[in-house]
Amino acid sequence: MNILSIILQVILGLGFLMFGFMKFGSKQMVEGFKQYGYPGWFRTFTGIVEVISGILVITGIWNGTLAAWGSLIIVITMIGAIFTHLKISDNVKQMMMPIFLLILGLVVLLINSGTLL
């Protein structure tokens, strides 16, 4: 495990823990999901997925397989987030965070992809 991977996993994992927990009650997230046209249960589901993936990526510091699975979930989640922003015709500025997290997730996945086999 190299230091770059550890740093990226900590950033990605903590970010997803933060965003995931925000989905459980943040007024901004509640309004955002209404704007996206998604029901409340989907916001909660997304929060659970983000918290689990954040935990997997952080614990993946000691177990590359967990990092690979967590980052794969993050990549899939961020693809969904980007499609959601496209669906409601958001501009690129509003998509920058999902794009950034998608790229970080892909890097962590590539670094740890050998552990999936």
PDB file of N, CA and C in Angstrom:
ATOM      1  N   MET A   1       0.870  -1.183   0.000  1.00  0.00           N
ATOM      2  CA  MET A   1       0.000   0.000   0.000  1.00  0.00           C
ATOM      3  C   MET A   1       0.899   1.223   0.000  1.00  0.00           C
ATOM      4  N   ASN A   2       0.710   2.084  -0.992  1.00  0.00           N
ATOM      5  CA  ASN A   2       1.550   3.270  -1.028  1.00  0.00           C
ATOM      6  C   ASN A   2       0.854   4.457  -0.365  1.00  0.00           C
ATOM      7  N   ILE A   3       1.641   5.459  -0.035  1.00  0.00           N
ATOM      8  CA  ILE A   3       1.147   6.607   0.711  1.00  0.00           C
ATOM      9  C   ILE A   3       0.080   7.381  -0.071  1.00  0.00           C
ATOM     10  N   LEU A   4       0.222   7.472  -1.397  1.00  0.00           N
ATOM     11  CA  LEU A   4      -0.780   8.160  -2.216  1.00  0.00           C
ATOM     12  C   LEU A   4      -2.135   7.487  -2.075  1.00  0.00           C
ATOM     13  N   SER A   5      -2.162   6.185  -2.134  1.00  0.00           N
ATOM     14  CA  SER A   5      -3.416   5.448  -2.001  1.00  0.00           C
ATOM     15  C   SER A   5      -4.044   5.690  -0.631  1.00  0.00           C
ATOM     16  N   ILE A   6      -3.241   5.672   0.409  1.00  0.00           N
ATOM     17  CA  ILE A   6      -3.764   5.904   1.762  1.00  0.00           C
ATOM     18  C   ILE A   6      -4.377   7.297   1.860  1.00  0.00           C
ATOM     19  N   ILE A   7      -3.685   8.296   1.351  1.00  0.00           N
ATOM     20  CA  ILE A   7      -4.198   9.678   1.401  1.00  0.00           C
ATOM     21  C   ILE A   7      -5.512   9.779   0.629  1.00  0.00           C
ATOM     22  N   LEU A   8      -5.545   9.219  -0.576  1.00  0.00           N
ATOM     23  CA  LEU A   8      -6.769   9.273  -1.382  1.00  0.00           C
ATOM     24  C   LEU A   8      -7.916   8.540  -0.700  1.00  0.00           C
ATOM     25  N   GLN A   9      -7.637   7.404  -0.093  1.00  0.00           N
ATOM     26  CA  GLN A   9      -8.678   6.638   0.582  1.00  0.00           C
ATOM     27  C   GLN A   9      -9.230   7.392   1.790  1.00  0.00           C
ATOM     28  N   VAL A  10      -8.361   8.061   2.528  1.00  0.00           N
ATOM     29  CA  VAL A  10      -8.830   8.834   3.680  1.00  0.00           C
ATOM     30  C   VAL A  10      -9.718   9.987   3.206  1.00  0.00           C
ATOM     31  N   ILE A  11      -9.270  10.722   2.192  1.00  0.00           N
ATOM     32  CA  ILE A  11     -10.060  11.846   1.667  1.00  0.00           C
ATOM     33  C   ILE A  11     -11.406  11.354   1.134  1.00  0.00           C
ATOM     34  N   LEU A  12     -11.364  10.322   0.314  1.00  0.00           N
ATOM     35  CA  LEU A  12     -12.579   9.783  -0.290  1.00  0.00           C
ATOM     36  C   LEU A  12     -13.515   9.209   0.772  1.00  0.00           C
ATOM     37  N   GLY A  13     -12.966   8.442   1.684  1.00  0.00           N
ATOM     38  CA  GLY A  13     -13.778   7.820   2.730  1.00  0.00           C
ATOM     39  C   GLY A  13     -14.428   8.838   3.641  1.00  0.00           C
ATOM     40  N   LEU A  14     -13.656   9.819   4.108  1.00  0.00           N
ATOM     41  CA  LEU A  14     -14.229  10.843   4.991  1.00  0.00           C
ATOM     42  C   LEU A  14     -15.263  11.686   4.251  1.00  0.00           C
ATOM     43  N   GLY A  15     -14.978  11.993   2.988  1.00  0.00           N
ATOM     44  CA  GLY A  15     -15.941  12.744   2.187  1.00  0.00           C
ATOM     45  C   GLY A  15     -17.256  12.002   2.050  1.00  0.00           C
ATOM     46  N   PHE A  16     -17.178  10.712   1.783  1.00  0.00           N
ATOM     47  CA  PHE A  16     -18.408   9.947   1.622  1.00  0.00           C
ATOM     48  C   PHE A  16     -19.127   9.732   2.939  1.00  0.00           C
ATOM     49  N   LEU A  17     -18.397   9.625   4.026  1.00  0.00           N
ATOM     50  CA  LEU A  17     -19.067   9.559   5.328  1.00  0.00           C
ATOM     51  C   LEU A  17     -19.826  10.862   5.586  1.00  0.00           C
ATOM     52  N   MET A  18     -19.179  11.994   5.314  1.00  0.00           N
ATOM     53  CA  MET A  18     -19.807  13.290   5.539  1.00  0.00           C
ATOM     54  C   MET A  18     -21.048  13.458   4.660  1.00  0.00           C
ATOM     55  N   PHE A  19     -20.890  13.245   3.349  1.00  0.00           N
ATOM     56  CA  PHE A  19     -22.026  13.415   2.445  1.00  0.00           C
ATOM     57  C   PHE A  19     -23.128  12.401   2.742  1.00  0.00           C
ATOM     58  N   GLY A  20     -22.743  11.193   3.107  1.00  0.00           N
ATOM     59  CA  GLY A  20     -23.739  10.166   3.431  1.00  0.00           C
ATOM     60  C   GLY A  20     -24.567  10.544   4.642  1.00  0.00           C
ATOM     61  N   PHE A  21     -23.910  10.996   5.719  1.00  0.00           N
ATOM     62  CA  PHE A  21     -24.654  11.381   6.916  1.00  0.00           C
ATOM     63  C   PHE A  21     -25.520  12.614   6.664  1.00  0.00           C
ATOM     64  N   MET A  22     -25.075  13.503   5.784  1.00  0.00           N
ATOM     65  CA  MET A  22     -25.883  14.677   5.441  1.00  0.00           C
ATOM     66  C   MET A  22     -27.200  14.278   4.790  1.00  0.00           C
ATOM     67  N   LYS A  23     -27.211  13.168   4.085  1.00  0.00           N
ATOM     68  CA  LYS A  23     -28.419  12.721   3.395  1.00  0.00           C
ATOM     69  C   LYS A  23     -29.535  12.350   4.379  1.00  0.00           C
ATOM     70  N   PHE A  24     -29.187  12.083   5.634  1.00  0.00           N
ATOM     71  CA  PHE A  24     -30.190  11.642   6.598  1.00  0.00           C
ATOM     72  C   PHE A  24     -31.046  12.770   7.160  1.00  0.00           C
ATOM     73  N   GLY A  25     -30.668  14.022   6.947  1.00  0.00           N
ATOM     74  CA  GLY A  25     -31.518  15.063   7.522  1.00  0.00           C
ATOM     75  C   GLY A  25     -31.174  16.484   7.134  1.00  0.00           C
ATOM     76  N   SER A  26     -30.126  16.673   6.381  1.00  0.00           N
ATOM     77  CA  SER A  26     -29.757  18.015   5.965  1.00  0.00           C
ATOM     78  C   SER A  26     -30.875  18.624   5.124  1.00  0.00           C
ATOM     79  N   LYS A  27     -31.295  19.820   5.499  1.00  0.00           N
ATOM     80  CA  LYS A  27     -32.361  20.501   4.758  1.00  0.00           C
ATOM     81  C   LYS A  27     -31.965  20.679   3.292  1.00  0.00           C
ATOM     82  N   GLN A  28     -30.694  20.972   3.060  1.00  0.00           N
ATOM     83  CA  GLN A  28     -30.195  21.148   1.696  1.00  0.00           C
ATOM     84  C   GLN A  28     -30.350  19.857   0.887  1.00  0.00           C
ATOM     85  N   MET A  29     -30.047  18.719   1.504  1.00  0.00           N
ATOM     86  CA  MET A  29     -30.172  17.439   0.804  1.00  0.00           C
ATOM     87  C   MET A  29     -31.636  17.083   0.565  1.00  0.00           C
ATOM     88  N   VAL A  30     -32.490  17.347   1.546  1.00  0.00           N
ATOM     89  CA  VAL A  30     -33.919  17.069   1.385  1.00  0.00           C
ATOM     90  C   VAL A  30     -34.458  17.857   0.195  1.00  0.00           C
ATOM     91  N   GLU A  31     -34.140  19.138   0.135  1.00  0.00           N
ATOM     92  CA  GLU A  31     -34.604  19.983  -0.971  1.00  0.00           C
ATOM     93  C   GLU A  31     -33.977  19.542  -2.303  1.00  0.00           C
ATOM     94  N   GLY A  32     -32.690  19.177  -2.266  1.00  0.00           N
ATOM     95  CA  GLY A  32     -32.006  18.737  -3.475  1.00  0.00           C
ATOM     96  C   GLY A  32     -32.654  17.514  -4.084  1.00  0.00           C
ATOM     97  N   PHE A  33     -32.972  16.528  -3.263  1.00  0.00           N
ATOM     98  CA  PHE A  33     -33.581  15.306  -3.780  1.00  0.00           C
ATOM     99  C   PHE A  33     -34.991  15.560  -4.302  1.00  0.00           C
ATOM    100  N   LYS A  34     -35.699  16.532  -3.690  1.00  0.00           N
ATOM    101  CA  LYS A  34     -37.010  16.919  -4.232  1.00  0.00           C
ATOM    102  C   LYS A  34     -36.824  17.534  -5.618  1.00  0.00           C
ATOM    103  N   GLN A  35     -35.817  18.401  -5.746  1.00  0.00           N
ATOM    104  CA  GLN A  35     -35.536  19.038  -7.036  1.00  0.00           C
ATOM    105  C   GLN A  35     -35.176  17.988  -8.089  1.00  0.00           C
ATOM    106  N   TYR A  36     -34.458  16.948  -7.679  1.00  0.00           N
ATOM    107  CA  TYR A  36     -34.063  15.900  -8.616  1.00  0.00           C
ATOM    108  C   TYR A  36     -35.243  15.012  -9.009  1.00  0.00           C
ATOM    109  N   GLY A  37     -36.337  15.105  -8.241  1.00  0.00           N
ATOM    110  CA  GLY A  37     -37.508  14.291  -8.526  1.00  0.00           C
ATOM    111  C   GLY A  37     -37.468  12.914  -7.889  1.00  0.00           C
ATOM    112  N   TYR A  38     -36.638  12.754  -6.846  1.00  0.00           N
ATOM    113  CA  TYR A  38     -36.516  11.467  -6.173  1.00  0.00           C
ATOM    114  C   TYR A  38     -37.298  11.466  -4.863  1.00  0.00           C
ATOM    115  N   PRO A  39     -37.853  10.310  -4.481  1.00  0.00           N
ATOM    116  CA  PRO A  39     -38.587  10.220  -3.214  1.00  0.00           C
ATOM    117  C   PRO A  39     -37.631  10.231  -2.013  1.00  0.00           C
ATOM    118  N   GLY A  40     -38.199  10.513  -0.839  1.00  0.00           N
ATOM    119  CA  GLY A  40     -37.409  10.591   0.387  1.00  0.00           C
ATOM    120  C   GLY A  40     -36.654   9.309   0.711  1.00  0.00           C
ATOM    121  N   TRP A  41     -37.267   8.165   0.437  1.00  0.00           N
ATOM    122  CA  TRP A  41     -36.595   6.905   0.757  1.00  0.00           C
ATOM    123  C   TRP A  41     -35.319   6.753  -0.056  1.00  0.00           C
ATOM    124  N   PHE A  42     -35.278   7.311  -1.265  1.00  0.00           N
ATOM    125  CA  PHE A  42     -34.085   7.181  -2.100  1.00  0.00           C
ATOM    126  C   PHE A  42     -32.929   8.007  -1.534  1.00  0.00           C
ATOM    127  N   ARG A  43     -33.256   9.146  -0.922  1.00  0.00           N
ATOM    128  CA  ARG A  43     -32.233   9.963  -0.255  1.00  0.00           C
ATOM    129  C   ARG A  43     -31.613   9.174   0.899  1.00  0.00           C
ATOM    130  N   THR A  44     -32.465   8.523   1.684  1.00  0.00           N
ATOM    131  CA  THR A  44     -31.974   7.715   2.802  1.00  0.00           C
ATOM    132  C   THR A  44     -31.142   6.533   2.293  1.00  0.00           C
ATOM    133  N   PHE A  45     -31.638   5.858   1.261  1.00  0.00           N
ATOM    134  CA  PHE A  45     -30.902   4.740   0.663  1.00  0.00           C
ATOM    135  C   PHE A  45     -29.527   5.202   0.173  1.00  0.00           C
ATOM    136  N   THR A  46     -29.496   6.343  -0.517  1.00  0.00           N
ATOM    137  CA  THR A  46     -28.229   6.886  -1.020  1.00  0.00           C
ATOM    138  C   THR A  46     -27.286   7.185   0.135  1.00  0.00           C
ATOM    139  N   GLY A  47     -27.817   7.742   1.221  1.00  0.00           N
ATOM    140  CA  GLY A  47     -26.992   8.016   2.395  1.00  0.00           C
ATOM    141  C   GLY A  47     -26.378   6.755   2.978  1.00  0.00           C
ATOM    142  N   ILE A  48     -27.174   5.698   3.071  1.00  0.00           N
ATOM    143  CA  ILE A  48     -26.675   4.424   3.593  1.00  0.00           C
ATOM    144  C   ILE A  48     -25.575   3.875   2.687  1.00  0.00           C
ATOM    145  N   VAL A  49     -25.803   3.913   1.378  1.00  0.00           N
ATOM    146  CA  VAL A  49     -24.799   3.434   0.420  1.00  0.00           C
ATOM    147  C   VAL A  49     -23.511   4.241   0.555  1.00  0.00           C
ATOM    148  N   GLU A  50     -23.621   5.556   0.694  1.00  0.00           N
ATOM    149  CA  GLU A  50     -22.433   6.405   0.805  1.00  0.00           C
ATOM    150  C   GLU A  50     -21.676   6.153   2.107  1.00  0.00           C
ATOM    151  N   VAL A  51     -22.390   5.966   3.204  1.00  0.00           N
ATOM    152  CA  VAL A  51     -21.721   5.685   4.476  1.00  0.00           C
ATOM    153  C   VAL A  51     -21.001   4.335   4.405  1.00  0.00           C
ATOM    154  N   ILE A  52     -21.662   3.330   3.868  1.00  0.00           N
ATOM    155  CA  ILE A  52     -21.037   2.004   3.749  1.00  0.00           C
ATOM    156  C   ILE A  52     -19.799   2.073   2.855  1.00  0.00           C
ATOM    157  N   SER A  53     -19.909   2.755   1.720  1.00  0.00           N
ATOM    158  CA  SER A  53     -18.753   2.833   0.820  1.00  0.00           C
ATOM    159  C   SER A  53     -17.618   3.617   1.460  1.00  0.00           C
ATOM    160  N   GLY A  54     -17.938   4.663   2.225  1.00  0.00           N
ATOM    161  CA  GLY A  54     -16.901   5.415   2.937  1.00  0.00           C
ATOM    162  C   GLY A  54     -16.172   4.540   3.947  1.00  0.00           C
ATOM    163  N   ILE A  55     -16.929   3.740   4.681  1.00  0.00           N
ATOM    164  CA  ILE A  55     -16.322   2.825   5.658  1.00  0.00           C
ATOM    165  C   ILE A  55     -15.446   1.792   4.945  1.00  0.00           C
ATOM    166  N   LEU A  56     -15.937   1.247   3.845  1.00  0.00           N
ATOM    167  CA  LEU A  56     -15.160   0.250   3.093  1.00  0.00           C
ATOM    168  C   LEU A  56     -13.838   0.837   2.592  1.00  0.00           C
ATOM    169  N   VAL A  57     -13.901   2.056   2.054  1.00  0.00           N
ATOM    170  CA  VAL A  57     -12.680   2.667   1.516  1.00  0.00           C
ATOM    171  C   VAL A  57     -11.673   2.952   2.633  1.00  0.00           C
ATOM    172  N   ILE A  58     -12.149   3.421   3.774  1.00  0.00           N
ATOM    173  CA  ILE A  58     -11.225   3.697   4.886  1.00  0.00           C
ATOM    174  C   ILE A  58     -10.647   2.403   5.446  1.00  0.00           C
ATOM    175  N   THR A  59     -11.487   1.386   5.682  1.00  0.00           N
ATOM    176  CA  THR A  59     -10.958   0.118   6.189  1.00  0.00           C
ATOM    177  C   THR A  59     -10.098  -0.575   5.135  1.00  0.00           C
ATOM    178  N   GLY A  60     -10.270  -0.156   3.884  1.00  0.00           N
ATOM    179  CA  GLY A  60      -9.450  -0.687   2.804  1.00  0.00           C
ATOM    180  C   GLY A  60      -7.986  -0.302   2.897  1.00  0.00           C
ATOM    181  N   ILE A  61      -7.670   0.619   3.780  1.00  0.00           N
ATOM    182  CA  ILE A  61      -6.261   0.950   4.025  1.00  0.00           C
ATOM    183  C   ILE A  61      -5.525  -0.309   4.485  1.00  0.00           C
ATOM    184  N   TRP A  62      -6.224  -1.159   5.203  1.00  0.00           N
ATOM    185  CA  TRP A  62      -5.623  -2.393   5.714  1.00  0.00           C
ATOM    186  C   TRP A  62      -6.009  -3.618   4.901  1.00  0.00           C
ATOM    187  N   ASN A  63      -6.978  -3.469   4.008  1.00  0.00           N
ATOM    188  CA  ASN A  63      -7.461  -4.594   3.215  1.00  0.00           C
ATOM    189  C   ASN A  63      -7.854  -4.064   1.832  1.00  0.00           C
ATOM    190  N   GLY A  64      -7.004  -4.297   0.858  1.00  0.00           N
ATOM    191  CA  GLY A  64      -7.204  -3.755  -0.480  1.00  0.00           C
ATOM    192  C   GLY A  64      -8.506  -4.180  -1.134  1.00  0.00           C
ATOM    193  N   THR A  65      -8.994  -5.368  -0.808  1.00  0.00           N
ATOM    194  CA  THR A  65     -10.253  -5.830  -1.384  1.00  0.00           C
ATOM    195  C   THR A  65     -11.406  -4.930  -0.947  1.00  0.00           C
ATOM    196  N   LEU A  66     -11.411  -4.540   0.330  1.00  0.00           N
ATOM    197  CA  LEU A  66     -12.459  -3.637   0.813  1.00  0.00           C
ATOM    198  C   LEU A  66     -12.368  -2.281   0.125  1.00  0.00           C
ATOM    199  N   ALA A  67     -11.150  -1.792  -0.090  1.00  0.00           N
ATOM    200  CA  ALA A  67     -10.963  -0.518  -0.791  1.00  0.00           C
ATOM    201  C   ALA A  67     -11.483  -0.611  -2.213  1.00  0.00           C
ATOM    202  N   ALA A  68     -11.214  -1.719  -2.868  1.00  0.00           N
ATOM    203  CA  ALA A  68     -11.671  -1.897  -4.251  1.00  0.00           C
ATOM    204  C   ALA A  68     -13.198  -1.925  -4.321  1.00  0.00           C
ATOM    205  N   TRP A  69     -13.834  -2.678  -3.436  1.00  0.00           N
ATOM    206  CA  TRP A  69     -15.297  -2.747  -3.441  1.00  0.00           C
ATOM    207  C   TRP A  69     -15.918  -1.402  -3.077  1.00  0.00           C
ATOM    208  N   GLY A  70     -15.370  -0.748  -2.068  1.00  0.00           N
ATOM    209  CA  GLY A  70     -15.891   0.557  -1.670  1.00  0.00           C
ATOM    210  C   GLY A  70     -15.759   1.579  -2.776  1.00  0.00           C
ATOM    211  N   SER A  71     -14.616   1.596  -3.449  1.00  0.00           N
ATOM    212  CA  SER A  71     -14.421   2.562  -4.533  1.00  0.00           C
ATOM    213  C   SER A  71     -15.283   2.216  -5.749  1.00  0.00           C
ATOM    214  N   LEU A  72     -15.535   0.935  -5.984  1.00  0.00           N
ATOM    215  CA  LEU A  72     -16.438   0.554  -7.071  1.00  0.00           C
ATOM    216  C   LEU A  72     -17.853   1.074  -6.794  1.00  0.00           C
ATOM    217  N   ILE A  73     -18.310   0.954  -5.566  1.00  0.00           N
ATOM    218  CA  ILE A  73     -19.627   1.480  -5.187  1.00  0.00           C
ATOM    219  C   ILE A  73     -19.650   3.005  -5.367  1.00  0.00           C
ATOM    220  N   ILE A  74     -18.552   3.658  -4.995  1.00  0.00           N
ATOM    221  CA  ILE A  74     -18.460   5.112  -5.152  1.00  0.00           C
ATOM    222  C   ILE A  74     -18.528   5.500  -6.625  1.00  0.00           C
ATOM    223  N   VAL A  75     -17.806   4.789  -7.459  1.00  0.00           N
ATOM    224  CA  VAL A  75     -17.817   5.084  -8.901  1.00  0.00           C
ATOM    225  C   VAL A  75     -19.236   4.953  -9.454  1.00  0.00           C
ATOM    226  N   ILE A  76     -19.928   3.887  -9.106  1.00  0.00           N
ATOM    227  CA  ILE A  76     -21.293   3.680  -9.580  1.00  0.00           C
ATOM    228  C   ILE A  76     -22.215   4.784  -9.066  1.00  0.00           C
ATOM    229  N   THR A  77     -22.062   5.133  -7.793  1.00  0.00           N
ATOM    230  CA  THR A  77     -22.883   6.189  -7.195  1.00  0.00           C
ATOM    231  C   THR A  77     -22.646   7.526  -7.881  1.00  0.00           C
ATOM    232  N   MET A  78     -21.398   7.845  -8.177  1.00  0.00           N
ATOM    233  CA  MET A  78     -21.086   9.128  -8.803  1.00  0.00           C
ATOM    234  C   MET A  78     -21.542   9.185 -10.263  1.00  0.00           C
ATOM    235  N   ILE A  79     -21.528   8.046 -10.941  1.00  0.00           N
ATOM    236  CA  ILE A  79     -22.093   8.018 -12.295  1.00  0.00           C
ATOM    237  C   ILE A  79     -23.588   8.344 -12.212  1.00  0.00           C
ATOM    238  N   GLY A  80     -24.264   7.778 -11.236  1.00  0.00           N
ATOM    239  CA  GLY A  80     -25.680   8.091 -11.026  1.00  0.00           C
ATOM    240  C   GLY A  80     -25.891   9.558 -10.693  1.00  0.00           C
ATOM    241  N   ALA A  81     -25.020  10.125  -9.867  1.00  0.00           N
ATOM    242  CA  ALA A  81     -25.136  11.543  -9.499  1.00  0.00           C
ATOM    243  C   ALA A  81     -24.949  12.435 -10.716  1.00  0.00           C
ATOM    244  N   ILE A  82     -23.978  12.099 -11.550  1.00  0.00           N
ATOM    245  CA  ILE A  82     -23.727  12.896 -12.756  1.00  0.00           C
ATOM    246  C   ILE A  82     -24.926  12.815 -13.698  1.00  0.00           C
ATOM    247  N   PHE A  83     -25.481  11.622 -13.889  1.00  0.00           N
ATOM    248  CA  PHE A  83     -26.670  11.481 -14.730  1.00  0.00           C
ATOM    249  C   PHE A  83     -27.852  12.271 -14.158  1.00  0.00           C
ATOM    250  N   THR A  84     -27.965  12.313 -12.839  1.00  0.00           N
ATOM    251  CA  THR A  84     -29.027  13.091 -12.211  1.00  0.00           C
ATOM    252  C   THR A  84     -28.860  14.573 -12.534  1.00  0.00           C
ATOM    253  N   HIS A  85     -27.640  15.075 -12.421  1.00  0.00           N
ATOM    254  CA  HIS A  85     -27.390  16.491 -12.746  1.00  0.00           C
ATOM    255  C   HIS A  85     -27.673  16.763 -14.226  1.00  0.00           C
ATOM    256  N   LEU A  86     -27.334  15.826 -15.083  1.00  0.00           N
ATOM    257  CA  LEU A  86     -27.631  15.990 -16.508  1.00  0.00           C
ATOM    258  C   LEU A  86     -29.144  15.977 -16.751  1.00  0.00           C
ATOM    259  N   LYS A  87     -29.854  15.108 -16.032  1.00  0.00           N
ATOM    260  CA  LYS A  87     -31.302  14.974 -16.182  1.00  0.00           C
ATOM    261  C   LYS A  87     -32.029  16.286 -15.888  1.00  0.00           C
ATOM    262  N   ILE A  88     -31.539  17.018 -14.884  1.00  0.00           N
ATOM    263  CA  ILE A  88     -32.212  18.267 -14.525  1.00  0.00           C
ATOM    264  C   ILE A  88     -31.534  19.478 -15.167  1.00  0.00           C
ATOM    265  N   SER A  89     -30.628  19.208 -16.110  1.00  0.00           N
ATOM    266  CA  SER A  89     -29.949  20.258 -16.888  1.00  0.00           C
ATOM    267  C   SER A  89     -29.119  21.208 -16.033  1.00  0.00           C
ATOM    268  N   ASP A  90     -28.447  20.664 -15.012  1.00  0.00           N
ATOM    269  CA  ASP A  90     -27.503  21.470 -14.233  1.00  0.00           C
ATOM    270  C   ASP A  90     -26.315  21.835 -15.109  1.00  0.00           C
ATOM    271  N   ASN A  91     -25.631  22.899 -14.739  1.00  0.00           N
ATOM    272  CA  ASN A  91     -24.420  23.257 -15.481  1.00  0.00           C
ATOM    273  C   ASN A  91     -23.230  22.477 -14.937  1.00  0.00           C
ATOM    274  N   VAL A  92     -22.116  22.548 -15.630  1.00  0.00           N
ATOM    275  CA  VAL A  92     -20.928  21.769 -15.276  1.00  0.00           C
ATOM    276  C   VAL A  92     -20.424  22.136 -13.878  1.00  0.00           C
ATOM    277  N   LYS A  93     -20.543  23.383 -13.502  1.00  0.00           N
ATOM    278  CA  LYS A  93     -20.083  23.819 -12.170  1.00  0.00           C
ATOM    279  C   LYS A  93     -20.779  23.018 -11.065  1.00  0.00           C
ATOM    280  N   GLN A  94     -22.065  22.740 -11.249  1.00  0.00           N
ATOM    281  CA  GLN A  94     -22.820  21.988 -10.252  1.00  0.00           C
ATOM    282  C   GLN A  94     -22.484  20.495 -10.269  1.00  0.00           C
ATOM    283  N   MET A  95     -21.804  20.051 -11.314  1.00  0.00           N
ATOM    284  CA  MET A  95     -21.412  18.641 -11.421  1.00  0.00           C
ATOM    285  C   MET A  95     -19.967  18.400 -10.995  1.00  0.00           C
ATOM    286  N   MET A  96     -19.250  19.436 -10.631  1.00  0.00           N
ATOM    287  CA  MET A  96     -17.819  19.283 -10.356  1.00  0.00           C
ATOM    288  C   MET A  96     -17.519  18.348  -9.192  1.00  0.00           C
ATOM    289  N   MET A  97     -18.289  18.429  -8.115  1.00  0.00           N
ATOM    290  CA  MET A  97     -18.021  17.544  -6.976  1.00  0.00           C
ATOM    291  C   MET A  97     -18.232  16.083  -7.356  1.00  0.00           C
ATOM    292  N   PRO A  98     -19.355  15.698  -7.982  1.00  0.00           N
ATOM    293  CA  PRO A  98     -19.486  14.291  -8.394  1.00  0.00           C
ATOM    294  C   PRO A  98     -18.394  13.865  -9.380  1.00  0.00           C
ATOM    295  N   ILE A  99     -17.995  14.757 -10.278  1.00  0.00           N
ATOM    296  CA  ILE A  99     -16.930  14.412 -11.227  1.00  0.00           C
ATOM    297  C   ILE A  99     -15.613  14.195 -10.488  1.00  0.00           C
ATOM    298  N   PHE A 100     -15.295  15.084  -9.545  1.00  0.00           N
ATOM    299  CA  PHE A 100     -14.074  14.955  -8.751  1.00  0.00           C
ATOM    300  C   PHE A 100     -14.082  13.649  -7.957  1.00  0.00           C
ATOM    301  N   LEU A 101     -15.214  13.347  -7.311  1.00  0.00           N
ATOM    302  CA  LEU A 101     -15.309  12.113  -6.524  1.00  0.00           C
ATOM    303  C   LEU A 101     -15.270  10.873  -7.412  1.00  0.00           C
ATOM    304  N   LEU A 102     -15.834  10.970  -8.614  1.00  0.00           N
ATOM    305  CA  LEU A 102     -15.744   9.868  -9.576  1.00  0.00           C
ATOM    306  C   LEU A 102     -14.288   9.593  -9.932  1.00  0.00           C
ATOM    307  N   ILE A 103     -13.534  10.643 -10.204  1.00  0.00           N
ATOM    308  CA  ILE A 103     -12.119  10.483 -10.560  1.00  0.00           C
ATOM    309  C   ILE A 103     -11.338   9.890  -9.393  1.00  0.00           C
ATOM    310  N   LEU A 104     -11.550  10.409  -8.179  1.00  0.00           N
ATOM    311  CA  LEU A 104     -10.862   9.840  -7.005  1.00  0.00           C
ATOM    312  C   LEU A 104     -11.237   8.365  -6.822  1.00  0.00           C
ATOM    313  N   GLY A 105     -12.511   8.058  -6.984  1.00  0.00           N
ATOM    314  CA  GLY A 105     -12.959   6.674  -6.854  1.00  0.00           C
ATOM    315  C   GLY A 105     -12.315   5.770  -7.886  1.00  0.00           C
ATOM    316  N   LEU A 106     -12.191   6.261  -9.120  1.00  0.00           N
ATOM    317  CA  LEU A 106     -11.542   5.470 -10.168  1.00  0.00           C
ATOM    318  C   LEU A 106     -10.070   5.235  -9.858  1.00  0.00           C
ATOM    319  N   VAL A 107      -9.396   6.251  -9.349  1.00  0.00           N
ATOM    320  CA  VAL A 107      -7.974   6.095  -9.008  1.00  0.00           C
ATOM    321  C   VAL A 107      -7.808   5.053  -7.908  1.00  0.00           C
ATOM    322  N   VAL A 108      -8.612   5.153  -6.851  1.00  0.00           N
ATOM    323  CA  VAL A 108      -8.522   4.177  -5.746  1.00  0.00           C
ATOM    324  C   VAL A 108      -8.877   2.782  -6.263  1.00  0.00           C
ATOM    325  N   LEU A 109      -9.874   2.689  -7.137  1.00  0.00           N
ATOM    326  CA  LEU A 109     -10.243   1.394  -7.707  1.00  0.00           C
ATOM    327  C   LEU A 109      -9.096   0.816  -8.523  1.00  0.00           C
ATOM    328  N   LEU A 110      -8.483   1.629  -9.347  1.00  0.00           N
ATOM    329  CA  LEU A 110      -7.358   1.142 -10.167  1.00  0.00           C
ATOM    330  C   LEU A 110      -6.174   0.703  -9.309  1.00  0.00           C
ATOM    331  N   ILE A 111      -5.872   1.464  -8.260  1.00  0.00           N
ATOM    332  CA  ILE A 111      -4.763   1.115  -7.374  1.00  0.00           C
ATOM    333  C   ILE A 111      -5.021  -0.242  -6.702  1.00  0.00           C
ATOM    334  N   ASN A 112      -6.269  -0.494  -6.351  1.00  0.00           N
ATOM    335  CA  ASN A 112      -6.614  -1.718  -5.588  1.00  0.00           C
ATOM    336  C   ASN A 112      -7.292  -2.792  -6.425  1.00  0.00           C
ATOM    337  N   SER A 113      -7.374  -2.605  -7.738  1.00  0.00           N
ATOM    338  CA  SER A 113      -8.139  -3.537  -8.577  1.00  0.00           C
ATOM    339  C   SER A 113      -7.545  -4.959  -8.599  1.00  0.00           C
ATOM    340  N   GLY A 114      -6.277  -5.082  -8.362  1.00  0.00           N
ATOM    341  CA  GLY A 114      -5.660  -6.402  -8.343  1.00  0.00           C
ATOM    342  C   GLY A 114      -6.182  -7.288  -7.224  1.00  0.00           C
ATOM    343  N   THR A 115      -6.784  -6.680  -6.201  1.00  0.00           N
ATOM    344  CA  THR A 115      -7.289  -7.459  -5.073  1.00  0.00           C
ATOM    345  C   THR A 115      -8.681  -8.033  -5.337  1.00  0.00           C
ATOM    346  N   LEU A 116      -9.322  -7.592  -6.431  1.00  0.00           N
ATOM    347  CA  LEU A 116     -10.660  -8.102  -6.749  1.00  0.00           C
ATOM    348  C   LEU A 116     -10.614  -9.484  -7.393  1.00  0.00           C
ATOM    349  N   LEU A 117      -9.493  -9.832  -7.970  1.00  0.00           N
ATOM    350  CA  LEU A 117      -9.390 -11.097  -8.706  1.00  0.00           C
ATOM    351  C   LEU A 117      -9.165 -12.281  -7.825  1.00  0.00           C
TER     352      LEU A 117
END
